[in-house]
Amino acid sequence: MNLDGQSQCRRLTVSPDPARLTEIRRFVEDVGQEFGLDGERVFDLKVAVSEACANAVEHSGGQHHPLEVCARFYDDRLVFEISDGGDFRLPGARRNARRDDRGLGLPLMVALMDEVRIAKMRGGGTTVHLSLYL
């Protein structure tokens, strides 16, 4: 499914800094409320987008590229696109490492959203698409 050009993007661009995650969560909350989502769905959306952004900040290796969050409104769904300048890498198995609660971002996104897609971009960078259907 190609979503490009089908809906206007409401965009937030920030530096890839963990301190900016609060601003991103506020943006997501505003968009969710504007789209008419109830409180529980807005919360799920904030958690999923925040996880995608935190992963981009921590793991993408694209600290010199901005983090872009784009919200696209459709008749039947709301799609958030999180883009960064780094390359997506699947988490490696950590042998002899203490098990902690880290590494749950992607499973959490999948559990909370109706659709999750991760795309490596031509020329570098990664975009995560998080869809919430009505």
Foldseek 3Di string as FASTA:
>chain_A
DDPPPVFDWDKDKAQLDLVCLVVVLVVLLVVCVVLPHDPVLSVLSSLLVSLVSPCCSPPFPQRVWIWMWIWGDDPWKIKIKIKGQGDDDQDDDDPPDDDDPPPCNVVSLVVSAPDWDWDADVVGIIMIMGMHTD
